[in-house]
Amino acid sequence: MRRSAGSDIVIKNKKASHDYEFLEKFIAGIMLTGTEIKSVRAGKAALTDSYCQFTNGELYLKGMHIAEYWWGNLNNHNPMRERKLLLTNRELRKMERKVKETGLTIIVIKVFINERGLAKAEIALAKGKKEYDKRETLKRRDADRELDRIRKR
């Protein structure tokens, strides 16, 4: 069974853009088991409070919840297990260096299924926003909306 080009399954971390300023974005593959990919394709995943961490030079996704697959029986997965992210060595070294030197964080922005049916994660090197930065962002967004309303009249 072939899937159509580009799937409509996208799981977003809505809180991430409010809490962090994205400096650099990457697309990474995710190592999933059989029942995990079926749950992701069904849209049964959540990225709230998920982040990435280096362990022995490899990047792991932590805190992502993938619900157990309905038909999974004994072969079902642990919903909160760590999942390895697949990136090139150059990207891994670059990200690890920036995290250690400047104290940046790596967070997951969204998880999606690409044209070939593979699970991918969009991750970002991010810097945490202060409370006044969050308020400034909300003010700017409200002002932009008001300008759009005025222009449409």
N, C-alpha and C. Protein backbone atom coordinates (compact mmCIF):
# COMPACT_ATOMS: atom_id res chain seq x y z
N MET A 1 0.84 -1.18 0.00
CA MET A 1 0.00 0.00 0.00
C MET A 1 0.88 1.25 0.00
N ARG A 2 0.81 2.04 -1.04
CA ARG A 2 1.61 3.26 -1.16
C ARG A 2 0.82 4.45 -0.63
N ARG A 3 1.50 5.32 0.04
CA ARG A 3 0.88 6.54 0.54
C ARG A 3 1.01 7.63 -0.51
N SER A 4 0.07 8.55 -0.47
CA SER A 4 0.14 9.68 -1.40
C SER A 4 1.29 10.59 -1.00
N ALA A 5 1.76 11.38 -1.94
CA ALA A 5 2.89 12.28 -1.68
C ALA A 5 2.50 13.31 -0.63
N GLY A 6 3.30 13.38 0.43
CA GLY A 6 3.06 14.36 1.49
C GLY A 6 1.86 14.00 2.36
N SER A 7 2.11 13.65 3.56
CA SER A 7 1.04 13.27 4.46
C SER A 7 0.55 14.50 5.22
N ASP A 8 -0.69 14.44 5.69
CA ASP A 8 -1.26 15.57 6.42
C ASP A 8 -1.09 15.41 7.92
N ILE A 9 -0.33 14.43 8.37
CA ILE A 9 -0.13 14.21 9.79
C ILE A 9 1.03 15.08 10.28
N VAL A 10 0.70 16.06 11.10
CA VAL A 10 1.71 16.93 11.69
C VAL A 10 1.35 17.13 13.16
N ILE A 11 2.28 16.77 14.04
CA ILE A 11 2.10 16.95 15.47
C ILE A 11 3.00 18.11 15.88
N LYS A 12 2.40 19.18 16.39
CA LYS A 12 3.15 20.40 16.69
C LYS A 12 3.31 20.61 18.18
N ASN A 13 4.40 21.27 18.53
CA ASN A 13 4.66 21.71 19.90
C ASN A 13 4.29 23.19 19.96
N LYS A 14 3.04 23.48 20.28
CA LYS A 14 2.54 24.85 20.23
C LYS A 14 3.18 25.75 21.28
N LYS A 15 3.59 25.18 22.39
CA LYS A 15 4.16 25.96 23.48
C LYS A 15 5.59 26.41 23.18
N ALA A 16 6.26 25.72 22.25
CA ALA A 16 7.67 25.98 21.99
C ALA A 16 7.93 27.40 21.50
N SER A 17 7.14 27.90 20.56
CA SER A 17 7.40 29.23 20.02
C SER A 17 7.10 30.32 21.05
N HIS A 18 6.27 30.01 22.03
CA HIS A 18 5.98 30.98 23.09
C HIS A 18 7.13 31.04 24.10
N ASP A 19 7.74 29.89 24.39
CA ASP A 19 8.77 29.83 25.43
C ASP A 19 10.19 29.99 24.92
N TYR A 20 10.42 29.80 23.62
CA TYR A 20 11.78 29.81 23.08
C TYR A 20 11.89 30.66 21.83
N GLU A 21 13.09 31.16 21.61
CA GLU A 21 13.44 31.86 20.36
C GLU A 21 14.29 30.90 19.55
N PHE A 22 13.84 30.54 18.34
CA PHE A 22 14.54 29.57 17.51
C PHE A 22 15.70 30.23 16.79
N LEU A 23 16.89 29.65 16.92
CA LEU A 23 18.08 30.20 16.28
C LEU A 23 18.42 29.46 14.99
N GLU A 24 18.31 28.14 15.01
CA GLU A 24 18.65 27.33 13.85
C GLU A 24 17.80 26.07 13.86
N LYS A 25 17.24 25.70 12.69
CA LYS A 25 16.35 24.54 12.60
C LYS A 25 16.99 23.41 11.81
N PHE A 26 16.63 22.18 12.17
CA PHE A 26 17.12 20.98 11.49
C PHE A 26 15.97 20.00 11.33
N ILE A 27 16.08 19.13 10.32
CA ILE A 27 15.14 18.02 10.14
C ILE A 27 15.89 16.74 10.46
N ALA A 28 15.32 15.93 11.37
CA ALA A 28 15.98 14.69 11.79
C ALA A 28 15.01 13.53 11.66
N GLY A 29 15.55 12.36 11.34
CA GLY A 29 14.74 11.15 11.34
C GLY A 29 14.58 10.66 12.77
N ILE A 30 13.54 9.88 13.02
CA ILE A 30 13.30 9.33 14.35
C ILE A 30 13.28 7.81 14.24
N MET A 31 14.02 7.14 15.13
CA MET A 31 14.00 5.68 15.18
C MET A 31 12.79 5.24 15.99
N LEU A 32 11.82 4.63 15.33
CA LEU A 32 10.60 4.18 15.99
C LEU A 32 10.41 2.68 15.80
N THR A 33 9.68 2.07 16.72
CA THR A 33 9.33 0.66 16.57
C THR A 33 8.05 0.56 15.73
N GLY A 34 7.64 -0.65 15.43
CA GLY A 34 6.47 -0.87 14.58
C GLY A 34 5.19 -0.28 15.11
N THR A 35 4.91 -0.48 16.41
CA THR A 35 3.66 0.06 16.96
C THR A 35 3.73 1.57 17.14
N GLU A 36 4.93 2.12 17.33
CA GLU A 36 5.07 3.58 17.49
C GLU A 36 4.73 4.30 16.19
N ILE A 37 5.24 3.81 15.07
CA ILE A 37 4.98 4.49 13.80
C ILE A 37 3.50 4.42 13.45
N LYS A 38 2.84 3.33 13.82
CA LYS A 38 1.40 3.21 13.56
C LYS A 38 0.62 4.22 14.39
N SER A 39 1.03 4.43 15.64
CA SER A 39 0.37 5.43 16.48
C SER A 39 0.62 6.84 15.97
N VAL A 40 1.83 7.13 15.50
CA VAL A 40 2.14 8.46 14.95
C VAL A 40 1.31 8.71 13.70
N ARG A 41 1.20 7.71 12.84
CA ARG A 41 0.38 7.87 11.63
C ARG A 41 -1.09 8.09 11.96
N ALA A 42 -1.52 7.59 13.12
CA ALA A 42 -2.89 7.82 13.57
C ALA A 42 -3.03 9.15 14.30
N GLY A 43 -1.91 9.88 14.48
CA GLY A 43 -1.92 11.18 15.13
C GLY A 43 -1.97 11.11 16.64
N LYS A 44 -1.61 10.00 17.22
CA LYS A 44 -1.69 9.79 18.67
C LYS A 44 -0.35 10.07 19.35
N ALA A 45 0.15 11.27 19.23
CA ALA A 45 1.42 11.64 19.86
C ALA A 45 1.31 13.06 20.40
N ALA A 46 2.12 13.37 21.41
CA ALA A 46 2.14 14.71 22.01
C ALA A 46 3.58 15.13 22.27
N LEU A 47 3.88 16.39 22.00
CA LEU A 47 5.23 16.92 22.14
C LEU A 47 5.37 17.86 23.34
N THR A 48 4.36 17.97 24.16
CA THR A 48 4.43 18.88 25.30
C THR A 48 5.58 18.49 26.22
N ASP A 49 6.41 19.43 26.56
CA ASP A 49 7.57 19.25 27.45
C ASP A 49 8.61 18.28 26.89
N SER A 50 8.68 18.12 25.59
CA SER A 50 9.71 17.25 25.01
C SER A 50 10.96 18.07 24.69
N TYR A 51 12.10 17.43 24.74
CA TYR A 51 13.37 18.09 24.48
C TYR A 51 14.36 17.05 23.97
N CYS A 52 15.52 17.50 23.54
CA CYS A 52 16.56 16.60 23.04
C CYS A 52 17.78 16.70 23.94
N GLN A 53 18.48 15.57 24.08
CA GLN A 53 19.66 15.55 24.93
C GLN A 53 20.71 14.62 24.33
N PHE A 54 21.97 15.01 24.46
CA PHE A 54 23.08 14.19 23.96
C PHE A 54 23.45 13.13 24.98
N THR A 55 23.64 11.89 24.50
CA THR A 55 24.12 10.79 25.31
C THR A 55 25.15 10.04 24.47
N ASN A 56 26.40 10.03 24.93
CA ASN A 56 27.49 9.36 24.21
C ASN A 56 27.60 9.83 22.75
N GLY A 57 27.46 11.11 22.52
CA GLY A 57 27.62 11.67 21.17
C GLY A 57 26.43 11.45 20.26
N GLU A 58 25.33 10.89 20.77
CA GLU A 58 24.13 10.68 19.97
C GLU A 58 22.99 11.50 20.57
N LEU A 59 22.09 11.93 19.72
CA LEU A 59 20.99 12.80 20.16
C LEU A 59 19.73 11.97 20.38
N TYR A 60 19.12 12.14 21.56
CA TYR A 60 17.91 11.41 21.91
C TYR A 60 16.77 12.38 22.20
N LEU A 61 15.58 11.99 21.78
CA LEU A 61 14.37 12.75 22.03
C LEU A 61 13.73 12.22 23.31
N LYS A 62 13.54 13.11 24.28
CA LYS A 62 12.98 12.71 25.57
C LYS A 62 11.69 13.47 25.83
N GLY A 63 10.78 12.82 26.52
CA GLY A 63 9.54 13.48 26.91
C GLY A 63 8.44 13.46 25.87
N MET A 64 8.65 12.84 24.73
CA MET A 64 7.60 12.74 23.72
C MET A 64 6.70 11.56 24.07
N HIS A 65 5.40 11.80 24.10
CA HIS A 65 4.45 10.74 24.42
C HIS A 65 3.81 10.22 23.13
N ILE A 66 3.98 8.94 22.87
CA ILE A 66 3.31 8.28 21.75
C ILE A 66 2.39 7.23 22.37
N ALA A 67 1.09 7.39 22.20
CA ALA A 67 0.12 6.49 22.80
C ALA A 67 0.32 5.06 22.30
N GLU A 68 -0.03 4.11 23.15
CA GLU A 68 0.08 2.71 22.75
C GLU A 68 -0.88 2.45 21.60
N TYR A 69 -0.46 1.59 20.68
CA TYR A 69 -1.26 1.26 19.52
C TYR A 69 -2.41 0.36 19.94
N TRP A 70 -3.60 0.65 19.44
CA TRP A 70 -4.81 -0.06 19.83
C TRP A 70 -4.70 -1.57 19.63
N TRP A 71 -4.14 -2.01 18.50
CA TRP A 71 -4.06 -3.42 18.17
C TRP A 71 -2.70 -4.02 18.53
N GLY A 72 -1.92 -3.34 19.35
CA GLY A 72 -0.55 -3.74 19.63
C GLY A 72 -0.36 -4.94 20.53
N ASN A 73 -1.31 -5.31 21.34
CA ASN A 73 -1.28 -6.39 22.34
C ASN A 73 0.05 -6.49 23.08
N LEU A 74 0.70 -7.64 23.12
CA LEU A 74 1.94 -7.84 23.88
C LEU A 74 3.14 -7.08 23.29
N ASN A 75 3.09 -6.76 22.02
CA ASN A 75 4.22 -6.12 21.36
C ASN A 75 4.20 -4.59 21.47
N ASN A 76 3.31 -4.04 22.29
CA ASN A 76 3.22 -2.60 22.40
C ASN A 76 4.47 -1.98 23.02
N HIS A 77 4.65 -0.70 22.79
CA HIS A 77 5.85 0.02 23.22
C HIS A 77 5.58 0.79 24.51
N ASN A 78 6.65 1.27 25.13
CA ASN A 78 6.57 2.16 26.29
C ASN A 78 6.28 3.57 25.76
N PRO A 79 5.17 4.21 26.15
CA PRO A 79 4.79 5.50 25.58
C PRO A 79 5.80 6.63 25.77
N MET A 80 6.60 6.59 26.84
CA MET A 80 7.51 7.70 27.14
C MET A 80 8.98 7.36 26.95
N ARG A 81 9.30 6.33 26.20
CA ARG A 81 10.69 5.92 26.06
C ARG A 81 11.50 6.96 25.28
N GLU A 82 12.82 6.92 25.44
CA GLU A 82 13.71 7.80 24.68
C GLU A 82 13.80 7.28 23.25
N ARG A 83 13.82 8.20 22.29
CA ARG A 83 13.91 7.83 20.88
C ARG A 83 15.12 8.50 20.25
N LYS A 84 15.90 7.73 19.53
CA LYS A 84 17.12 8.25 18.91
C LYS A 84 16.76 9.08 17.69
N LEU A 85 17.44 10.22 17.54
CA LEU A 85 17.26 11.07 16.37
C LEU A 85 18.41 10.84 15.41
N LEU A 86 18.10 10.81 14.13
CA LEU A 86 19.09 10.50 13.10
C LEU A 86 19.49 11.77 12.36
N LEU A 87 20.75 12.16 12.55
CA LEU A 87 21.33 13.33 11.89
C LEU A 87 22.73 12.97 11.40
N THR A 88 23.29 13.81 10.55
CA THR A 88 24.65 13.57 10.10
C THR A 88 25.63 13.90 11.22
N ASN A 89 26.82 13.33 11.15
CA ASN A 89 27.83 13.59 12.18
C ASN A 89 28.19 15.06 12.27
N ARG A 90 28.25 15.73 11.14
CA ARG A 90 28.58 17.15 11.12
C ARG A 90 27.53 17.96 11.89
N GLU A 91 26.25 17.66 11.64
CA GLU A 91 25.18 18.37 12.34
C GLU A 91 25.21 18.08 13.84
N LEU A 92 25.46 16.81 14.19
CA LEU A 92 25.52 16.44 15.61
C LEU A 92 26.65 17.17 16.33
N ARG A 93 27.83 17.20 15.72
CA ARG A 93 28.97 17.90 16.35
C ARG A 93 28.69 19.38 16.52
N LYS A 94 28.11 19.99 15.48
CA LYS A 94 27.80 21.42 15.52
C LYS A 94 26.80 21.73 16.63
N MET A 95 25.76 20.91 16.74
CA MET A 95 24.75 21.15 17.76
C MET A 95 25.30 20.90 19.16
N GLU A 96 26.09 19.85 19.33
CA GLU A 96 26.65 19.54 20.64
C GLU A 96 27.59 20.65 21.11
N ARG A 97 28.37 21.19 20.18
CA ARG A 97 29.29 22.28 20.52
C ARG A 97 28.50 23.52 20.97
N LYS A 98 27.45 23.87 20.25
CA LYS A 98 26.67 25.06 20.61
C LYS A 98 25.93 24.88 21.94
N VAL A 99 25.46 23.67 22.21
CA VAL A 99 24.76 23.42 23.47
C VAL A 99 25.73 23.55 24.64
N LYS A 100 26.95 23.01 24.49
CA LYS A 100 27.93 23.07 25.58
C LYS A 100 28.48 24.47 25.79
N GLU A 101 28.81 25.17 24.69
CA GLU A 101 29.46 26.48 24.81
C GLU A 101 28.50 27.58 25.23
N THR A 102 27.35 27.67 24.58
CA THR A 102 26.48 28.82 24.79
C THR A 102 25.27 28.53 25.64
N GLY A 103 25.07 27.29 26.06
CA GLY A 103 23.94 26.97 26.92
C GLY A 103 22.60 26.99 26.22
N LEU A 104 22.59 26.72 24.92
CA LEU A 104 21.33 26.65 24.19
C LEU A 104 20.62 25.33 24.48
N THR A 105 19.36 25.24 24.10
CA THR A 105 18.57 24.04 24.29
C THR A 105 18.15 23.53 22.92
N ILE A 106 17.97 22.22 22.80
CA ILE A 106 17.45 21.65 21.56
C ILE A 106 16.04 21.17 21.86
N ILE A 107 15.07 21.74 21.14
CA ILE A 107 13.67 21.37 21.35
C ILE A 107 13.04 20.88 20.06
N VAL A 108 11.97 20.14 20.20
CA VAL A 108 11.24 19.61 19.05
C VAL A 108 10.10 20.57 18.73
N ILE A 109 10.05 21.01 17.47
CA ILE A 109 9.00 21.93 17.04
C ILE A 109 7.80 21.15 16.52
N LYS A 110 8.07 20.15 15.66
CA LYS A 110 6.98 19.34 15.14
C LYS A 110 7.49 17.98 14.69
N VAL A 111 6.58 17.03 14.61
CA VAL A 111 6.85 15.70 14.09
C VAL A 111 5.88 15.48 12.94
N PHE A 112 6.39 14.96 11.83
CA PHE A 112 5.54 14.76 10.65
C PHE A 112 5.97 13.51 9.90
N ILE A 113 5.13 13.09 8.98
CA ILE A 113 5.42 11.95 8.10
C ILE A 113 5.75 12.53 6.73
N ASN A 114 6.93 12.18 6.19
CA ASN A 114 7.33 12.75 4.90
C ASN A 114 6.70 11.98 3.73
N GLU A 115 7.08 12.33 2.50
CA GLU A 115 6.49 11.73 1.30
C GLU A 115 6.73 10.24 1.22
N ARG A 116 7.85 9.77 1.77
CA ARG A 116 8.19 8.34 1.71
C ARG A 116 7.57 7.55 2.86
N GLY A 117 6.81 8.21 3.72
CA GLY A 117 6.16 7.53 4.83
C GLY A 117 7.02 7.38 6.06
N LEU A 118 8.12 8.14 6.15
CA LEU A 118 9.02 8.07 7.30
C LEU A 118 8.72 9.17 8.29
N ALA A 119 8.90 8.88 9.57
CA ALA A 119 8.67 9.88 10.62
C ALA A 119 9.89 10.80 10.72
N LYS A 120 9.64 12.08 10.69
CA LYS A 120 10.70 13.08 10.79
C LYS A 120 10.33 14.07 11.88
N ALA A 121 11.35 14.66 12.50
CA ALA A 121 11.15 15.67 13.53
C ALA A 121 11.86 16.94 13.10
N GLU A 122 11.19 18.06 13.26
CA GLU A 122 11.85 19.35 13.05
C GLU A 122 12.29 19.83 14.42
N ILE A 123 13.60 19.95 14.60
CA ILE A 123 14.16 20.37 15.88
C ILE A 123 14.86 21.71 15.70
N ALA A 124 15.06 22.40 16.80
CA ALA A 124 15.68 23.71 16.72
C ALA A 124 16.62 23.94 17.89
N LEU A 125 17.73 24.62 17.59
CA LEU A 125 18.58 25.17 18.65
C LEU A 125 17.84 26.41 19.13
N ALA A 126 17.55 26.46 20.41
CA ALA A 126 16.71 27.54 20.90
C ALA A 126 17.28 28.16 22.16
N LYS A 127 16.90 29.43 22.35
CA LYS A 127 17.28 30.17 23.54
C LYS A 127 16.00 30.53 24.26
N GLY A 128 15.94 30.26 25.55
CA GLY A 128 14.74 30.53 26.33
C GLY A 128 14.41 32.02 26.38
N LYS A 129 13.13 32.33 26.28
CA LYS A 129 12.69 33.72 26.36
C LYS A 129 12.45 34.10 27.82
N LYS A 130 12.73 35.34 28.12
CA LYS A 130 12.40 35.89 29.43
C LYS A 130 10.93 36.29 29.42
N GLU A 131 10.37 36.57 30.59
CA GLU A 131 8.94 36.90 30.68
C GLU A 131 8.61 38.16 29.88
N TYR A 132 9.49 39.17 29.92
CA TYR A 132 9.21 40.41 29.18
C TYR A 132 9.31 40.18 27.67
N ASP A 133 10.13 39.23 27.22
CA ASP A 133 10.19 38.89 25.79
C ASP A 133 8.88 38.27 25.33
N LYS A 134 8.30 37.42 26.17
CA LYS A 134 7.03 36.78 25.83
C LYS A 134 5.93 37.83 25.69
N ARG A 135 5.90 38.79 26.62
CA ARG A 135 4.89 39.85 26.55
C ARG A 135 5.08 40.70 25.29
N GLU A 136 6.33 41.00 24.96
CA GLU A 136 6.62 41.79 23.76
C GLU A 136 6.15 41.07 22.50
N THR A 137 6.37 39.77 22.44
CA THR A 137 5.93 38.98 21.28
C THR A 137 4.41 39.03 21.15
N LEU A 138 3.70 38.89 22.25
CA LEU A 138 2.23 38.95 22.21
C LEU A 138 1.75 40.33 21.77
N LYS A 139 2.39 41.40 22.24
CA LYS A 139 2.00 42.75 21.83
C LYS A 139 2.21 42.94 20.34
N ARG A 140 3.37 42.47 19.84
CA ARG A 140 3.67 42.61 18.41
C ARG A 140 2.66 41.84 17.57
N ARG A 141 2.30 40.64 18.00
CA ARG A 141 1.33 39.83 17.26
C ARG A 141 -0.04 40.51 17.22
N ASP A 142 -0.47 41.05 18.35
CA ASP A 142 -1.75 41.76 18.40
C ASP A 142 -1.74 43.00 17.51
N ALA A 143 -0.65 43.73 17.51
CA ALA A 143 -0.54 44.92 16.67
C ALA A 143 -0.59 44.54 15.18
N ASP A 144 0.07 43.46 14.81
CA ASP A 144 0.05 43.01 13.42
C ASP A 144 -1.36 42.61 12.99
N ARG A 145 -2.09 41.94 13.88
CA ARG A 145 -3.48 41.56 13.57
C ARG A 145 -4.34 42.80 13.35
N GLU A 146 -4.16 43.80 14.21
CA GLU A 146 -4.95 45.02 14.10
C GLU A 146 -4.66 45.74 12.78
N LEU A 147 -3.39 45.77 12.39
CA LEU A 147 -3.02 46.39 11.11
C LEU A 147 -3.65 45.64 9.94
N ASP A 148 -3.65 44.31 10.00
CA ASP A 148 -4.28 43.51 8.93
C ASP A 148 -5.77 43.79 8.83
N ARG A 149 -6.44 43.94 9.97
CA ARG A 149 -7.87 44.26 9.95
C ARG A 149 -8.13 45.61 9.30
N ILE A 150 -7.29 46.58 9.62
CA ILE A 150 -7.46 47.93 9.06
C ILE A 150 -7.22 47.91 7.56
N ARG A 151 -6.21 47.18 7.11
CA ARG A 151 -5.88 47.11 5.68
C ARG A 151 -6.97 46.43 4.87
N LYS A 152 -7.64 45.45 5.45
CA LYS A 152 -8.67 44.69 4.72
C LYS A 152 -9.95 45.49 4.52
N ARG A 153 -10.15 46.55 5.28
CA ARG A 153 -11.37 47.36 5.15
C ARG A 153 -11.38 48.16 3.94
